[in-house]
Every structure is written in C-alpha cells, then in structure tokens.
Amino acid sequence: SSPDGQRAVADDLELTVESAAEEITKRGGQGHAIPCDLSKDGVIEEIIERVVKEQERLDVMVCSAYTTPPDNLRGEFWNQGLDMWDAV
C-alpha cells in the first residue's frame, strides 16, 4: 500500500467487463458484456427483460459504471462523501 492508500493491481490482470464475461464463458457459463448508459432510468430493467427473454433466466448481473470524479479521488472510494458520488 502506498502513502496515499492506493494499492497496486497485478499487471497481468485485465479487469474489464469483457474479460469477466469471457472468464464466465470459459468456465462453462454464458457471460455477456452489455454496454449501456446506467444514468438513464429503466435501462437495467430493459436489459433484464431482454436477457430473460433470450436466455430464459438471469443468474448474476453486475453493473459496472465509473468515471473519475471532477476533483479526483482522494483515499478509499467507500469513504467519499455523497457530493462526490452525485458528481460521478
């Protein structure tokens, strides 16, 4: 851990939604990365309906959305105030 509280992630890890979907598929499941704008109301419900219609079920859904805060992130993200989260 560095003095500013950040930890390094192994260079060989690809931490993307696409790589997570690929890993799920590689292990015998059906992983799908579906890009969408989570800031729009109803998007999650639409995706759930689409997946259930196409696949007949949905076991796990991970919503992964993030943008860098306007004043940059200082310290652990879970300790940030609500004003910062409204900005992202």
PDB file of N, CA and C in Angstrom:
ATOM      1  N   SER A   1       0.841  -1.176   0.000  1.00  0.00           N
ATOM      2  CA  SER A   1       0.000   0.000   0.000  1.00  0.00           C
ATOM      3  C   SER A   1       0.893   1.249   0.000  1.00  0.00           C
ATOM      4  N   SER A   2       0.539   2.239  -0.795  1.00  0.00           N
ATOM      5  CA  SER A   2       1.322   3.464  -0.880  1.00  0.00           C
ATOM      6  C   SER A   2       0.878   4.452   0.196  1.00  0.00           C
ATOM      7  N   PRO A   3       1.632   5.540   0.395  1.00  0.00           N
ATOM      8  CA  PRO A   3       1.267   6.522   1.415  1.00  0.00           C
ATOM      9  C   PRO A   3      -0.131   7.122   1.201  1.00  0.00           C
ATOM     10  N   ASP A   4      -0.599   7.192  -0.047  1.00  0.00           N
ATOM     11  CA  ASP A   4      -1.926   7.772  -0.292  1.00  0.00           C
ATOM     12  C   ASP A   4      -3.051   6.737  -0.175  1.00  0.00           C
ATOM     13  N   GLY A   5      -2.711   5.497   0.250  1.00  0.00           N
ATOM     14  CA  GLY A   5      -3.716   4.475   0.492  1.00  0.00           C
ATOM     15  C   GLY A   5      -4.078   3.635  -0.723  1.00  0.00           C
ATOM     16  N   GLN A   6      -3.478   3.910  -1.867  1.00  0.00           N
ATOM     17  CA  GLN A   6      -3.804   3.134  -3.059  1.00  0.00           C
ATOM     18  C   GLN A   6      -2.924   1.894  -3.130  1.00  0.00           C
ATOM     19  N   ARG A   7      -3.486   0.810  -3.675  1.00  0.00           N
ATOM     20  CA  ARG A   7      -2.751  -0.436  -3.814  1.00  0.00           C
ATOM     21  C   ARG A   7      -2.580  -0.767  -5.286  1.00  0.00           C
ATOM     22  N   ALA A   8      -1.467  -1.341  -5.617  1.00  0.00           N
ATOM     23  CA  ALA A   8      -1.201  -1.739  -6.997  1.00  0.00           C
ATOM     24  C   ALA A   8      -1.970  -3.006  -7.332  1.00  0.00           C
ATOM     25  N   VAL A   9      -2.400  -3.112  -8.570  1.00  0.00           N
ATOM     26  CA  VAL A   9      -3.065  -4.307  -9.078  1.00  0.00           C
ATOM     27  C   VAL A   9      -2.067  -5.009  -9.983  1.00  0.00           C
ATOM     28  N   ALA A  10      -2.064  -6.331  -9.935  1.00  0.00           N
ATOM     29  CA  ALA A  10      -1.119  -7.090 -10.753  1.00  0.00           C
ATOM     30  C   ALA A  10      -1.232  -6.673 -12.218  1.00  0.00           C
ATOM     31  N   ASP A  11      -0.091  -6.464 -12.849  1.00  0.00           N
ATOM     32  CA  ASP A  11      -0.062  -6.010 -14.237  1.00  0.00           C
ATOM     33  C   ASP A  11      -0.686  -7.002 -15.202  1.00  0.00           C
ATOM     34  N   ASP A  12      -0.688  -8.273 -14.867  1.00  0.00           N
ATOM     35  CA  ASP A  12      -1.191  -9.270 -15.797  1.00  0.00           C
ATOM     36  C   ASP A  12      -2.699  -9.483 -15.723  1.00  0.00           C
ATOM     37  N   LEU A  13      -3.398  -8.745 -14.880  1.00  0.00           N
ATOM     38  CA  LEU A  13      -4.846  -8.882 -14.776  1.00  0.00           C
ATOM     39  C   LEU A  13      -5.541  -7.877 -15.690  1.00  0.00           C
ATOM     40  N   GLU A  14      -6.490  -8.374 -16.475  1.00  0.00           N
ATOM     41  CA  GLU A  14      -7.305  -7.491 -17.295  1.00  0.00           C
ATOM     42  C   GLU A  14      -8.641  -7.339 -16.578  1.00  0.00           C
ATOM     43  N   LEU A  15      -8.855  -6.214 -15.947  1.00  0.00           N
ATOM     44  CA  LEU A  15     -10.037  -6.008 -15.119  1.00  0.00           C
ATOM     45  C   LEU A  15     -11.081  -5.216 -15.893  1.00  0.00           C
ATOM     46  N   THR A  16     -11.731  -5.891 -16.835  1.00  0.00           N
ATOM     47  CA  THR A  16     -12.772  -5.251 -17.640  1.00  0.00           C
ATOM     48  C   THR A  16     -14.038  -6.092 -17.584  1.00  0.00           C
ATOM     49  N   VAL A  17     -15.135  -5.491 -17.972  1.00  0.00           N
ATOM     50  CA  VAL A  17     -16.394  -6.217 -18.043  1.00  0.00           C
ATOM     51  C   VAL A  17     -16.276  -7.341 -19.074  1.00  0.00           C
ATOM     52  N   GLU A  18     -15.616  -7.029 -20.183  1.00  0.00           N
ATOM     53  CA  GLU A  18     -15.446  -8.032 -21.236  1.00  0.00           C
ATOM     54  C   GLU A  18     -14.635  -9.230 -20.758  1.00  0.00           C
ATOM     55  N   SER A  19     -13.552  -8.974 -20.019  1.00  0.00           N
ATOM     56  CA  SER A  19     -12.729 -10.094 -19.537  1.00  0.00           C
ATOM     57  C   SER A  19     -13.483 -10.924 -18.501  1.00  0.00           C
ATOM     58  N   ALA A  20     -14.334 -10.294 -17.712  1.00  0.00           N
ATOM     59  CA  ALA A  20     -15.150 -11.042 -16.751  1.00  0.00           C
ATOM     60  C   ALA A  20     -16.135 -11.946 -17.486  1.00  0.00           C
ATOM     61  N   ALA A  21     -16.782 -11.428 -18.532  1.00  0.00           N
ATOM     62  CA  ALA A  21     -17.716 -12.236 -19.326  1.00  0.00           C
ATOM     63  C   ALA A  21     -16.992 -13.404 -19.992  1.00  0.00           C
ATOM     64  N   GLU A  22     -15.801 -13.136 -20.520  1.00  0.00           N
ATOM     65  CA  GLU A  22     -15.008 -14.204 -21.146  1.00  0.00           C
ATOM     66  C   GLU A  22     -14.640 -15.293 -20.137  1.00  0.00           C
ATOM     67  N   GLU A  23     -14.288 -14.894 -18.924  1.00  0.00           N
ATOM     68  CA  GLU A  23     -13.919 -15.864 -17.892  1.00  0.00           C
ATOM     69  C   GLU A  23     -15.120 -16.713 -17.488  1.00  0.00           C
ATOM     70  N   ILE A  24     -16.282 -16.110 -17.385  1.00  0.00           N
ATOM     71  CA  ILE A  24     -17.500 -16.859 -17.057  1.00  0.00           C
ATOM     72  C   ILE A  24     -17.777 -17.895 -18.134  1.00  0.00           C
ATOM     73  N   THR A  25     -17.665 -17.484 -19.403  1.00  0.00           N
ATOM     74  CA  THR A  25     -17.901 -18.402 -20.513  1.00  0.00           C
ATOM     75  C   THR A  25     -16.856 -19.520 -20.527  1.00  0.00           C
ATOM     76  N   LYS A  26     -15.606 -19.155 -20.271  1.00  0.00           N
ATOM     77  CA  LYS A  26     -14.522 -20.144 -20.247  1.00  0.00           C
ATOM     78  C   LYS A  26     -14.767 -21.210 -19.177  1.00  0.00           C
ATOM     79  N   ARG A  27     -15.439 -20.820 -18.105  1.00  0.00           N
ATOM     80  CA  ARG A  27     -15.685 -21.769 -17.001  1.00  0.00           C
ATOM     81  C   ARG A  27     -17.019 -22.506 -17.134  1.00  0.00           C
ATOM     82  N   GLY A  28     -17.646 -22.380 -18.313  1.00  0.00           N
ATOM     83  CA  GLY A  28     -18.848 -23.161 -18.571  1.00  0.00           C
ATOM     84  C   GLY A  28     -20.160 -22.406 -18.511  1.00  0.00           C
ATOM     85  N   GLY A  29     -20.135 -21.149 -18.146  1.00  0.00           N
ATOM     86  CA  GLY A  29     -21.360 -20.354 -18.117  1.00  0.00           C
ATOM     87  C   GLY A  29     -21.542 -19.599 -19.415  1.00  0.00           C
ATOM     88  N   GLN A  30     -22.438 -18.647 -19.401  1.00  0.00           N
ATOM     89  CA  GLN A  30     -22.642 -17.771 -20.545  1.00  0.00           C
ATOM     90  C   GLN A  30     -22.473 -16.334 -20.061  1.00  0.00           C
ATOM     91  N   GLY A  31     -21.306 -15.786 -20.294  1.00  0.00           N
ATOM     92  CA  GLY A  31     -21.034 -14.414 -19.885  1.00  0.00           C
ATOM     93  C   GLY A  31     -21.272 -13.463 -21.042  1.00  0.00           C
ATOM     94  N   HIS A  32     -21.957 -12.376 -20.765  1.00  0.00           N
ATOM     95  CA  HIS A  32     -22.242 -11.376 -21.793  1.00  0.00           C
ATOM     96  C   HIS A  32     -21.944  -9.987 -21.229  1.00  0.00           C
ATOM     97  N   ALA A  33     -21.153  -9.234 -21.940  1.00  0.00           N
ATOM     98  CA  ALA A  33     -20.904  -7.838 -21.578  1.00  0.00           C
ATOM     99  C   ALA A  33     -21.865  -6.990 -22.408  1.00  0.00           C
ATOM    100  N   ILE A  34     -22.740  -6.264 -21.751  1.00  0.00           N
ATOM    101  CA  ILE A  34     -23.750  -5.478 -22.450  1.00  0.00           C
ATOM    102  C   ILE A  34     -23.536  -4.007 -22.112  1.00  0.00           C
ATOM    103  N   PRO A  35     -22.998  -3.234 -23.048  1.00  0.00           N
ATOM    104  CA  PRO A  35     -22.795  -1.813 -22.774  1.00  0.00           C
ATOM    105  C   PRO A  35     -24.123  -1.080 -22.699  1.00  0.00           C
ATOM    106  N   CYS A  36     -24.215  -0.145 -21.769  1.00  0.00           N
ATOM    107  CA  CYS A  36     -25.436   0.648 -21.626  1.00  0.00           C
ATOM    108  C   CYS A  36     -25.120   1.901 -20.821  1.00  0.00           C
ATOM    109  N   ASP A  37     -26.059   2.831 -20.808  1.00  0.00           N
ATOM    110  CA  ASP A  37     -25.919   4.070 -20.055  1.00  0.00           C
ATOM    111  C   ASP A  37     -26.740   3.942 -18.775  1.00  0.00           C
ATOM    112  N   LEU A  38     -26.073   3.640 -17.670  1.00  0.00           N
ATOM    113  CA  LEU A  38     -26.760   3.425 -16.402  1.00  0.00           C
ATOM    114  C   LEU A  38     -27.334   4.696 -15.797  1.00  0.00           C
ATOM    115  N   SER A  39     -27.047   5.837 -16.400  1.00  0.00           N
ATOM    116  CA  SER A  39     -27.622   7.085 -15.880  1.00  0.00           C
ATOM    117  C   SER A  39     -29.058   7.283 -16.350  1.00  0.00           C
ATOM    118  N   LYS A  40     -29.507   6.453 -17.282  1.00  0.00           N
ATOM    119  CA  LYS A  40     -30.871   6.566 -17.807  1.00  0.00           C
ATOM    120  C   LYS A  40     -31.806   5.620 -17.073  1.00  0.00           C
ATOM    121  N   ASP A  41     -32.934   6.154 -16.613  1.00  0.00           N
ATOM    122  CA  ASP A  41     -33.922   5.342 -15.912  1.00  0.00           C
ATOM    123  C   ASP A  41     -34.443   4.223 -16.807  1.00  0.00           C
ATOM    124  N   GLY A  42     -34.633   3.057 -16.238  1.00  0.00           N
ATOM    125  CA  GLY A  42     -35.232   1.941 -16.940  1.00  0.00           C
ATOM    126  C   GLY A  42     -34.274   1.065 -17.718  1.00  0.00           C
ATOM    127  N   VAL A  43     -33.020   1.478 -17.860  1.00  0.00           N
ATOM    128  CA  VAL A  43     -32.065   0.706 -18.657  1.00  0.00           C
ATOM    129  C   VAL A  43     -31.830  -0.679 -18.055  1.00  0.00           C
ATOM    130  N   ILE A  44     -31.662  -0.747 -16.761  1.00  0.00           N
ATOM    131  CA  ILE A  44     -31.402  -2.039 -16.121  1.00  0.00           C
ATOM    132  C   ILE A  44     -32.587  -2.973 -16.307  1.00  0.00           C
ATOM    133  N   GLU A  45     -33.801  -2.448 -16.124  1.00  0.00           N
ATOM    134  CA  GLU A  45     -34.996  -3.265 -16.309  1.00  0.00           C
ATOM    135  C   GLU A  45     -35.088  -3.787 -17.746  1.00  0.00           C
ATOM    136  N   GLU A  46     -34.747  -2.931 -18.723  1.00  0.00           N
ATOM    137  CA  GLU A  46     -34.768  -3.350 -20.124  1.00  0.00           C
ATOM    138  C   GLU A  46     -33.774  -4.487 -20.389  1.00  0.00           C
ATOM    139  N   ILE A  47     -32.605  -4.380 -19.816  1.00  0.00           N
ATOM    140  CA  ILE A  47     -31.599  -5.424 -20.009  1.00  0.00           C
ATOM    141  C   ILE A  47     -32.053  -6.737 -19.378  1.00  0.00           C
ATOM    142  N   ILE A  48     -32.605  -6.667 -18.179  1.00  0.00           N
ATOM    143  CA  ILE A  48     -33.094  -7.875 -17.519  1.00  0.00           C
ATOM    144  C   ILE A  48     -34.170  -8.542 -18.373  1.00  0.00           C
ATOM    145  N   GLU A  49     -35.124  -7.755 -18.861  1.00  0.00           N
ATOM    146  CA  GLU A  49     -36.186  -8.309 -19.704  1.00  0.00           C
ATOM    147  C   GLU A  49     -35.603  -8.956 -20.961  1.00  0.00           C
ATOM    148  N   ARG A  50     -34.649  -8.290 -21.588  1.00  0.00           N
ATOM    149  CA  ARG A  50     -34.025  -8.814 -22.809  1.00  0.00           C
ATOM    150  C   ARG A  50     -33.308 -10.134 -22.551  1.00  0.00           C
ATOM    151  N   VAL A  51     -32.514 -10.181 -21.481  1.00  0.00           N
ATOM    152  CA  VAL A  51     -31.746 -11.390 -21.178  1.00  0.00           C
ATOM    153  C   VAL A  51     -32.676 -12.542 -20.817  1.00  0.00           C
ATOM    154  N   VAL A  52     -33.683 -12.284 -20.013  1.00  0.00           N
ATOM    155  CA  VAL A  52     -34.612 -13.344 -19.622  1.00  0.00           C
ATOM    156  C   VAL A  52     -35.371 -13.856 -20.849  1.00  0.00           C
ATOM    157  N   LYS A  53     -35.749 -12.952 -21.763  1.00  0.00           N
ATOM    158  CA  LYS A  53     -36.431 -13.366 -22.992  1.00  0.00           C
ATOM    159  C   LYS A  53     -35.520 -14.241 -23.851  1.00  0.00           C
ATOM    160  N   GLU A  54     -34.245 -13.848 -23.985  1.00  0.00           N
ATOM    161  CA  GLU A  54     -33.308 -14.579 -24.834  1.00  0.00           C
ATOM    162  C   GLU A  54     -32.759 -15.847 -24.178  1.00  0.00           C
ATOM    163  N   GLN A  55     -32.476 -15.786 -22.881  1.00  0.00           N
ATOM    164  CA  GLN A  55     -31.792 -16.891 -22.194  1.00  0.00           C
ATOM    165  C   GLN A  55     -32.698 -17.666 -21.233  1.00  0.00           C
ATOM    166  N   GLU A  56     -33.891 -17.146 -20.982  1.00  0.00           N
ATOM    167  CA  GLU A  56     -34.889 -17.727 -20.072  1.00  0.00           C
ATOM    168  C   GLU A  56     -34.563 -17.545 -18.596  1.00  0.00           C
ATOM    169  N   ARG A  57     -33.395 -17.005 -18.275  1.00  0.00           N
ATOM    170  CA  ARG A  57     -33.070 -16.734 -16.876  1.00  0.00           C
ATOM    171  C   ARG A  57     -31.857 -15.803 -16.808  1.00  0.00           C
ATOM    172  N   LEU A  58     -31.691 -15.224 -15.651  1.00  0.00           N
ATOM    173  CA  LEU A  58     -30.539 -14.369 -15.368  1.00  0.00           C
ATOM    174  C   LEU A  58     -30.042 -14.740 -13.986  1.00  0.00           C
ATOM    175  N   ASP A  59     -28.835 -15.275 -13.908  1.00  0.00           N
ATOM    176  CA  ASP A  59     -28.290 -15.715 -12.624  1.00  0.00           C
ATOM    177  C   ASP A  59     -27.571 -14.594 -11.880  1.00  0.00           C
ATOM    178  N   VAL A  60     -26.766 -13.823 -12.609  1.00  0.00           N
ATOM    179  CA  VAL A  60     -25.983 -12.766 -11.980  1.00  0.00           C
ATOM    180  C   VAL A  60     -25.923 -11.572 -12.924  1.00  0.00           C
ATOM    181  N   MET A  61     -26.080 -10.388 -12.361  1.00  0.00           N
ATOM    182  CA  MET A  61     -25.928  -9.160 -13.138  1.00  0.00           C
ATOM    183  C   MET A  61     -25.006  -8.232 -12.362  1.00  0.00           C
ATOM    184  N   VAL A  62     -23.992  -7.725 -13.035  1.00  0.00           N
ATOM    185  CA  VAL A  62     -23.059  -6.800 -12.405  1.00  0.00           C
ATOM    186  C   VAL A  62     -23.122  -5.482 -13.160  1.00  0.00           C
ATOM    187  N   CYS A  63     -23.479  -4.440 -12.460  1.00  0.00           N
ATOM    188  CA  CYS A  63     -23.497  -3.105 -13.069  1.00  0.00           C
ATOM    189  C   CYS A  63     -22.175  -2.443 -12.738  1.00  0.00           C
ATOM    190  N   SER A  64     -21.421  -2.151 -13.755  1.00  0.00           N
ATOM    191  CA  SER A  64     -20.090  -1.587 -13.574  1.00  0.00           C
ATOM    192  C   SER A  64     -20.037  -0.237 -14.265  1.00  0.00           C
ATOM    193  N   ALA A  65     -20.141   0.811 -13.486  1.00  0.00           N
ATOM    194  CA  ALA A  65     -20.113   2.152 -14.055  1.00  0.00           C
ATOM    195  C   ALA A  65     -19.222   3.033 -13.184  1.00  0.00           C
ATOM    196  N   TYR A  66     -18.362   3.782 -13.832  1.00  0.00           N
ATOM    197  CA  TYR A  66     -17.472   4.649 -13.066  1.00  0.00           C
ATOM    198  C   TYR A  66     -16.890   5.718 -13.966  1.00  0.00           C
ATOM    199  N   THR A  67     -16.717   6.863 -13.417  1.00  0.00           N
ATOM    200  CA  THR A  67     -15.996   7.943 -14.076  1.00  0.00           C
ATOM    201  C   THR A  67     -15.152   8.631 -13.013  1.00  0.00           C
ATOM    202  N   THR A  68     -14.090   9.242 -13.399  1.00  0.00           N
ATOM    203  CA  THR A  68     -13.230   9.925 -12.435  1.00  0.00           C
ATOM    204  C   THR A  68     -13.940  11.159 -11.902  1.00  0.00           C
ATOM    205  N   PRO A  69     -14.002  11.318 -10.595  1.00  0.00           N
ATOM    206  CA  PRO A  69     -14.647  12.494 -10.014  1.00  0.00           C
ATOM    207  C   PRO A  69     -13.958  13.783 -10.464  1.00  0.00           C
ATOM    208  N   PRO A  70     -14.710  14.890 -10.539  1.00  0.00           N
ATOM    209  CA  PRO A  70     -14.130  16.142 -11.018  1.00  0.00           C
ATOM    210  C   PRO A  70     -12.948  16.639 -10.180  1.00  0.00           C
ATOM    211  N   ASP A  71     -12.943  16.361  -8.883  1.00  0.00           N
ATOM    212  CA  ASP A  71     -11.852  16.810  -8.013  1.00  0.00           C
ATOM    213  C   ASP A  71     -10.854  15.698  -7.731  1.00  0.00           C
ATOM    214  N   ASN A  72     -10.887  14.635  -8.525  1.00  0.00           N
ATOM    215  CA  ASN A  72     -10.043  13.450  -8.350  1.00  0.00           C
ATOM    216  C   ASN A  72     -10.398  12.722  -7.064  1.00  0.00           C
ATOM    217  N   LEU A  73     -10.088  11.485  -7.019  1.00  0.00           N
ATOM    218  CA  LEU A  73     -10.401  10.632  -5.887  1.00  0.00           C
ATOM    219  C   LEU A  73      -9.287  10.723  -4.859  1.00  0.00           C
ATOM    220  N   ARG A  74      -9.649  10.974  -3.631  1.00  0.00           N
ATOM    221  CA  ARG A  74      -8.675  11.066  -2.552  1.00  0.00           C
ATOM    222  C   ARG A  74      -8.994   9.998  -1.514  1.00  0.00           C
ATOM    223  N   GLY A  75      -8.140   8.985  -1.410  1.00  0.00           N
ATOM    224  CA  GLY A  75      -8.359   7.922  -0.435  1.00  0.00           C
ATOM    225  C   GLY A  75      -9.301   6.857  -0.966  1.00  0.00           C
ATOM    226  N   GLU A  76      -9.774   5.992  -0.075  1.00  0.00           N
ATOM    227  CA  GLU A  76     -10.652   4.891  -0.464  1.00  0.00           C
ATOM    228  C   GLU A  76     -11.986   5.428  -0.966  1.00  0.00           C
ATOM    229  N   PHE A  77     -12.475   4.854  -2.073  1.00  0.00           N
ATOM    230  CA  PHE A  77     -13.707   5.360  -2.668  1.00  0.00           C
ATOM    231  C   PHE A  77     -14.898   5.223  -1.730  1.00  0.00           C
ATOM    232  N   TRP A  78     -14.900   4.199  -0.870  1.00  0.00           N
ATOM    233  CA  TRP A  78     -16.035   3.990   0.029  1.00  0.00           C
ATOM    234  C   TRP A  78     -16.093   5.015   1.159  1.00  0.00           C
ATOM    235  N   ASN A  79     -15.041   5.806   1.317  1.00  0.00           N
ATOM    236  CA  ASN A  79     -15.039   6.843   2.343  1.00  0.00           C
ATOM    237  C   ASN A  79     -15.356   8.227   1.782  1.00  0.00           C
ATOM    238  N   GLN A  80     -15.714   8.314   0.507  1.00  0.00           N
ATOM    239  CA  GLN A  80     -16.020   9.598  -0.116  1.00  0.00           C
ATOM    240  C   GLN A  80     -17.422  10.053   0.281  1.00  0.00           C
ATOM    241  N   GLY A  81     -17.623  11.347   0.311  1.00  0.00           N
ATOM    242  CA  GLY A  81     -18.936  11.902   0.634  1.00  0.00           C
ATOM    243  C   GLY A  81     -19.934  11.736  -0.500  1.00  0.00           C
ATOM    244  N   LEU A  82     -21.201  11.951  -0.194  1.00  0.00           N
ATOM    245  CA  LEU A  82     -22.252  11.795  -1.194  1.00  0.00           C
ATOM    246  C   LEU A  82     -22.146  12.806  -2.317  1.00  0.00           C
ATOM    247  N   ASP A  83     -21.612  13.993  -2.048  1.00  0.00           N
ATOM    248  CA  ASP A  83     -21.456  15.000  -3.100  1.00  0.00           C
ATOM    249  C   ASP A  83     -20.563  14.485  -4.222  1.00  0.00           C
ATOM    250  N   MET A  84     -19.504  13.748  -3.862  1.00  0.00           N
ATOM    251  CA  MET A  84     -18.619  13.205  -4.874  1.00  0.00           C
ATOM    252  C   MET A  84     -19.367  12.198  -5.742  1.00  0.00           C
ATOM    253  N   TRP A  85     -20.194  11.341  -5.145  1.00  0.00           N
ATOM    254  CA  TRP A  85     -20.912  10.318  -5.901  1.00  0.00           C
ATOM    255  C   TRP A  85     -21.967  10.938  -6.805  1.00  0.00           C
ATOM    256  N   ASP A  86     -22.584  12.034  -6.389  1.00  0.00           N
ATOM    257  CA  ASP A  86     -23.540  12.718  -7.256  1.00  0.00           C
ATOM    258  C   ASP A  86     -22.843  13.267  -8.502  1.00  0.00           C
ATOM    259  N   ALA A  87     -21.576  13.629  -8.368  1.00  0.00           N
ATOM    260  CA  ALA A  87     -20.827  14.181  -9.496  1.00  0.00           C
ATOM    261  C   ALA A  87     -20.455  13.108 -10.516  1.00  0.00           C
ATOM    262  N   VAL A  88     -20.287  11.867 -10.061  1.00  0.00           N
ATOM    263  CA  VAL A  88     -19.931  10.809 -10.994  1.00  0.00           C
ATOM    264  C   VAL A  88     -21.173  10.156 -11.523  1.00  0.00           C
TER     265      VAL A  88
END
